[in-house]
Amino acid sequence: LDLRPDHVFACDIMPASRKFIMQNCPPEALFADLLARSAISHCMLTERPRLFPGNLDIYIAGFPCKDFSMLNKFRPCLDGPHAS
């Protein structure tokens, strides 16, 4: 199975998380808060309003990565409270 996903957009409310996203897997658009989205939302990359992507085949959301994040110098990984 050869999947080649397009990273159409990403959302994260935390500035450090947005920085991590941009350094490791830059999307076409970056928004601050998924829950605050509307048809037109503020894109953090262009610093201007942009149509929020629609017509998506798959929507992927992640779990809080505090236990695995390289930003957490005390990261407990699978032994942490957020790893379940």
N, C-alpha and C. Protein backbone atom coordinates (compact mmCIF):
# COMPACT_ATOMS: atom_id res chain seq x y z
N LEU A 1 0.85 -1.17 0.00
CA LEU A 1 0.00 0.00 0.00
C LEU A 1 0.90 1.23 0.00
N ASP A 2 0.76 2.05 -0.99
CA ASP A 2 1.59 3.25 -1.14
C ASP A 2 0.73 4.48 -0.89
N LEU A 3 0.78 5.03 0.31
CA LEU A 3 0.02 6.22 0.66
C LEU A 3 0.94 7.43 0.67
N ARG A 4 0.51 8.47 0.02
CA ARG A 4 1.26 9.72 0.00
C ARG A 4 0.31 10.85 0.41
N PRO A 5 0.16 11.05 1.69
CA PRO A 5 -0.80 12.07 2.14
C PRO A 5 -0.30 13.49 1.88
N ASP A 6 -1.23 14.37 1.65
CA ASP A 6 -0.94 15.79 1.56
C ASP A 6 -1.23 16.39 2.93
N HIS A 7 -0.26 17.08 3.49
CA HIS A 7 -0.46 17.73 4.79
C HIS A 7 -1.12 19.08 4.51
N VAL A 8 -2.44 19.07 4.42
CA VAL A 8 -3.20 20.23 3.99
C VAL A 8 -3.19 21.33 5.06
N PHE A 9 -3.41 20.95 6.31
CA PHE A 9 -3.37 21.95 7.37
C PHE A 9 -3.09 21.29 8.70
N ALA A 10 -2.72 22.11 9.66
CA ALA A 10 -2.53 21.67 11.04
C ALA A 10 -3.11 22.74 11.95
N CYS A 11 -3.50 22.33 13.13
CA CYS A 11 -4.02 23.26 14.14
C CYS A 11 -3.40 22.91 15.47
N ASP A 12 -3.01 23.90 16.21
CA ASP A 12 -2.60 23.70 17.60
C ASP A 12 -2.69 25.02 18.32
N ILE A 13 -3.23 24.98 19.51
CA ILE A 13 -3.42 26.20 20.28
C ILE A 13 -2.13 26.67 20.96
N MET A 14 -1.17 25.75 21.14
CA MET A 14 0.08 26.07 21.83
C MET A 14 1.16 26.56 20.85
N PRO A 15 1.74 27.74 21.08
CA PRO A 15 2.78 28.25 20.19
C PRO A 15 3.98 27.30 20.04
N ALA A 16 4.41 26.67 21.12
CA ALA A 16 5.55 25.74 21.04
C ALA A 16 5.21 24.54 20.16
N SER A 17 3.97 24.09 20.22
CA SER A 17 3.54 22.97 19.39
C SER A 17 3.50 23.37 17.92
N ARG A 18 3.02 24.59 17.64
CA ARG A 18 3.01 25.07 16.26
C ARG A 18 4.43 25.17 15.71
N LYS A 19 5.35 25.62 16.54
CA LYS A 19 6.75 25.70 16.12
C LYS A 19 7.29 24.30 15.80
N PHE A 20 6.97 23.33 16.64
CA PHE A 20 7.40 21.96 16.42
C PHE A 20 6.83 21.41 15.10
N ILE A 21 5.56 21.67 14.86
CA ILE A 21 4.92 21.24 13.62
C ILE A 21 5.65 21.82 12.42
N MET A 22 5.94 23.11 12.47
CA MET A 22 6.59 23.77 11.33
C MET A 22 8.01 23.25 11.10
N GLN A 23 8.69 22.89 12.15
CA GLN A 23 10.06 22.39 12.01
C GLN A 23 10.11 20.95 11.52
N ASN A 24 9.07 20.17 11.79
CA ASN A 24 9.14 18.74 11.52
C ASN A 24 8.21 18.23 10.42
N CYS A 25 7.11 18.88 10.21
CA CYS A 25 6.17 18.43 9.17
C CYS A 25 5.30 19.61 8.73
N PRO A 26 5.90 20.57 8.04
CA PRO A 26 5.18 21.80 7.69
C PRO A 26 3.96 21.54 6.80
N PRO A 27 2.81 22.09 7.21
CA PRO A 27 1.60 21.95 6.42
C PRO A 27 1.47 23.09 5.40
N GLU A 28 0.44 23.00 4.57
CA GLU A 28 0.16 24.08 3.62
C GLU A 28 -0.44 25.28 4.35
N ALA A 29 -1.15 25.03 5.44
CA ALA A 29 -1.76 26.10 6.25
C ALA A 29 -1.68 25.70 7.71
N LEU A 30 -1.57 26.70 8.58
CA LEU A 30 -1.48 26.46 10.02
C LEU A 30 -2.46 27.37 10.73
N PHE A 31 -3.32 26.77 11.52
CA PHE A 31 -4.32 27.53 12.26
C PHE A 31 -4.10 27.33 13.75
N ALA A 32 -4.51 28.33 14.54
CA ALA A 32 -4.25 28.28 15.98
C ALA A 32 -5.23 27.39 16.73
N ASP A 33 -6.50 27.40 16.36
CA ASP A 33 -7.48 26.71 17.17
C ASP A 33 -8.52 26.04 16.27
N LEU A 34 -8.54 24.74 16.26
CA LEU A 34 -9.48 23.99 15.44
C LEU A 34 -10.92 24.31 15.82
N LEU A 35 -11.19 24.51 17.09
CA LEU A 35 -12.55 24.77 17.54
C LEU A 35 -13.04 26.15 17.15
N ALA A 36 -12.12 27.06 16.82
CA ALA A 36 -12.50 28.43 16.44
C ALA A 36 -12.59 28.58 14.93
N ARG A 37 -12.53 27.49 14.20
CA ARG A 37 -12.53 27.58 12.74
C ARG A 37 -13.90 27.98 12.21
N SER A 38 -13.87 28.56 11.05
CA SER A 38 -15.08 28.87 10.30
C SER A 38 -14.71 28.71 8.83
N ALA A 39 -15.54 29.12 7.93
CA ALA A 39 -15.23 28.98 6.51
C ALA A 39 -13.93 29.73 6.18
N ILE A 40 -13.74 30.86 6.83
CA ILE A 40 -12.50 31.63 6.67
C ILE A 40 -11.90 31.81 8.05
N SER A 41 -10.65 31.40 8.21
CA SER A 41 -9.96 31.51 9.49
C SER A 41 -8.59 32.15 9.29
N HIS A 42 -8.01 32.60 10.38
CA HIS A 42 -6.70 33.25 10.31
C HIS A 42 -5.60 32.20 10.17
N CYS A 43 -4.86 32.26 9.07
CA CYS A 43 -3.75 31.33 8.84
C CYS A 43 -2.49 31.90 9.47
N MET A 44 -1.85 31.11 10.33
CA MET A 44 -0.64 31.55 11.04
C MET A 44 0.56 31.67 10.09
N LEU A 45 0.56 30.94 8.98
CA LEU A 45 1.69 30.99 8.05
C LEU A 45 1.71 32.28 7.25
N THR A 46 0.55 32.65 6.75
CA THR A 46 0.47 33.84 5.91
C THR A 46 0.08 35.09 6.69
N GLU A 47 -0.32 34.91 7.95
CA GLU A 47 -0.77 36.01 8.81
C GLU A 47 -1.93 36.77 8.17
N ARG A 48 -2.82 36.02 7.55
CA ARG A 48 -4.00 36.63 6.93
C ARG A 48 -5.13 35.61 6.89
N PRO A 49 -6.35 36.08 6.64
CA PRO A 49 -7.47 35.16 6.53
C PRO A 49 -7.29 34.20 5.35
N ARG A 50 -7.76 32.99 5.53
CA ARG A 50 -7.67 31.98 4.48
C ARG A 50 -8.87 31.05 4.59
N LEU A 51 -9.30 30.55 3.47
CA LEU A 51 -10.37 29.55 3.49
C LEU A 51 -9.89 28.33 4.26
N PHE A 52 -10.70 27.89 5.19
CA PHE A 52 -10.35 26.69 5.94
C PHE A 52 -10.54 25.51 5.00
N PRO A 53 -9.57 24.61 4.93
CA PRO A 53 -9.66 23.50 3.98
C PRO A 53 -10.93 22.66 4.19
N GLY A 54 -11.55 22.33 3.10
CA GLY A 54 -12.71 21.45 3.10
C GLY A 54 -12.38 20.30 2.16
N ASN A 55 -13.35 19.52 1.80
CA ASN A 55 -13.15 18.44 0.85
C ASN A 55 -11.97 17.54 1.23
N LEU A 56 -11.92 17.15 2.50
CA LEU A 56 -10.84 16.30 2.99
C LEU A 56 -11.29 14.84 2.99
N ASP A 57 -10.41 13.95 2.60
CA ASP A 57 -10.73 12.53 2.61
C ASP A 57 -10.54 11.91 3.99
N ILE A 58 -9.48 12.32 4.67
CA ILE A 58 -9.16 11.79 6.00
C ILE A 58 -8.78 12.95 6.90
N TYR A 59 -9.30 12.90 8.10
CA TYR A 59 -8.98 13.91 9.11
C TYR A 59 -8.29 13.17 10.25
N ILE A 60 -7.06 13.53 10.54
CA ILE A 60 -6.29 12.84 11.56
C ILE A 60 -6.06 13.77 12.74
N ALA A 61 -6.37 13.28 13.92
CA ALA A 61 -6.14 14.05 15.14
C ALA A 61 -5.26 13.22 16.06
N GLY A 62 -4.38 13.88 16.77
CA GLY A 62 -3.47 13.17 17.65
C GLY A 62 -3.84 13.33 19.11
N PHE A 63 -3.23 12.51 19.91
CA PHE A 63 -3.42 12.58 21.34
C PHE A 63 -2.43 13.61 21.92
N PRO A 64 -2.66 14.09 23.13
CA PRO A 64 -1.69 14.98 23.74
C PRO A 64 -0.34 14.26 23.86
N CYS A 65 0.70 14.86 23.36
CA CYS A 65 1.99 14.17 23.30
C CYS A 65 2.94 14.60 24.42
N LYS A 66 2.41 15.12 25.51
CA LYS A 66 3.26 15.60 26.60
C LYS A 66 4.25 14.55 27.07
N ASP A 67 3.81 13.31 27.13
CA ASP A 67 4.67 12.24 27.64
C ASP A 67 5.76 11.84 26.66
N PHE A 68 5.59 12.20 25.38
CA PHE A 68 6.56 11.79 24.34
C PHE A 68 7.32 12.98 23.76
N SER A 69 6.86 14.18 24.03
CA SER A 69 7.42 15.37 23.41
C SER A 69 8.87 15.61 23.80
N MET A 70 9.67 15.94 22.80
CA MET A 70 11.07 16.30 23.06
C MET A 70 11.16 17.64 23.79
N LEU A 71 10.04 18.39 23.82
CA LEU A 71 10.00 19.64 24.57
C LEU A 71 9.89 19.38 26.08
N ASN A 72 9.55 18.16 26.46
CA ASN A 72 9.41 17.77 27.87
C ASN A 72 10.69 17.06 28.30
N LYS A 73 11.56 17.77 29.01
CA LYS A 73 12.85 17.15 29.38
C LYS A 73 12.69 16.03 30.41
N PHE A 74 11.51 15.92 31.04
CA PHE A 74 11.25 14.85 32.00
C PHE A 74 10.28 13.82 31.42
N ARG A 75 10.25 13.69 30.10
CA ARG A 75 9.25 12.85 29.42
C ARG A 75 9.30 11.40 29.92
N PRO A 76 8.15 10.92 30.40
CA PRO A 76 8.07 9.55 30.91
C PRO A 76 7.70 8.53 29.83
N CYS A 77 7.40 8.98 28.62
CA CYS A 77 7.00 8.10 27.51
C CYS A 77 5.82 7.24 27.91
N LEU A 78 5.90 5.92 27.72
CA LEU A 78 4.75 5.05 27.95
C LEU A 78 4.36 4.93 29.42
N ASP A 79 5.23 5.37 30.33
CA ASP A 79 4.90 5.31 31.75
C ASP A 79 4.18 6.56 32.24
N GLY A 80 3.99 7.53 31.38
CA GLY A 80 3.38 8.79 31.77
C GLY A 80 1.86 8.75 31.84
N PRO A 81 1.27 9.71 32.50
CA PRO A 81 -0.19 9.74 32.69
C PRO A 81 -0.98 10.02 31.41
N HIS A 82 -0.34 10.59 30.38
CA HIS A 82 -1.05 10.91 29.15
C HIS A 82 -0.80 9.89 28.04
N ALA A 83 -0.13 8.80 28.34
CA ALA A 83 0.27 7.81 27.32
C ALA A 83 -0.81 6.80 26.99
N SER A 84 -1.88 6.75 27.75
CA SER A 84 -2.89 5.72 27.49
C SER A 84 -3.74 6.04 26.30
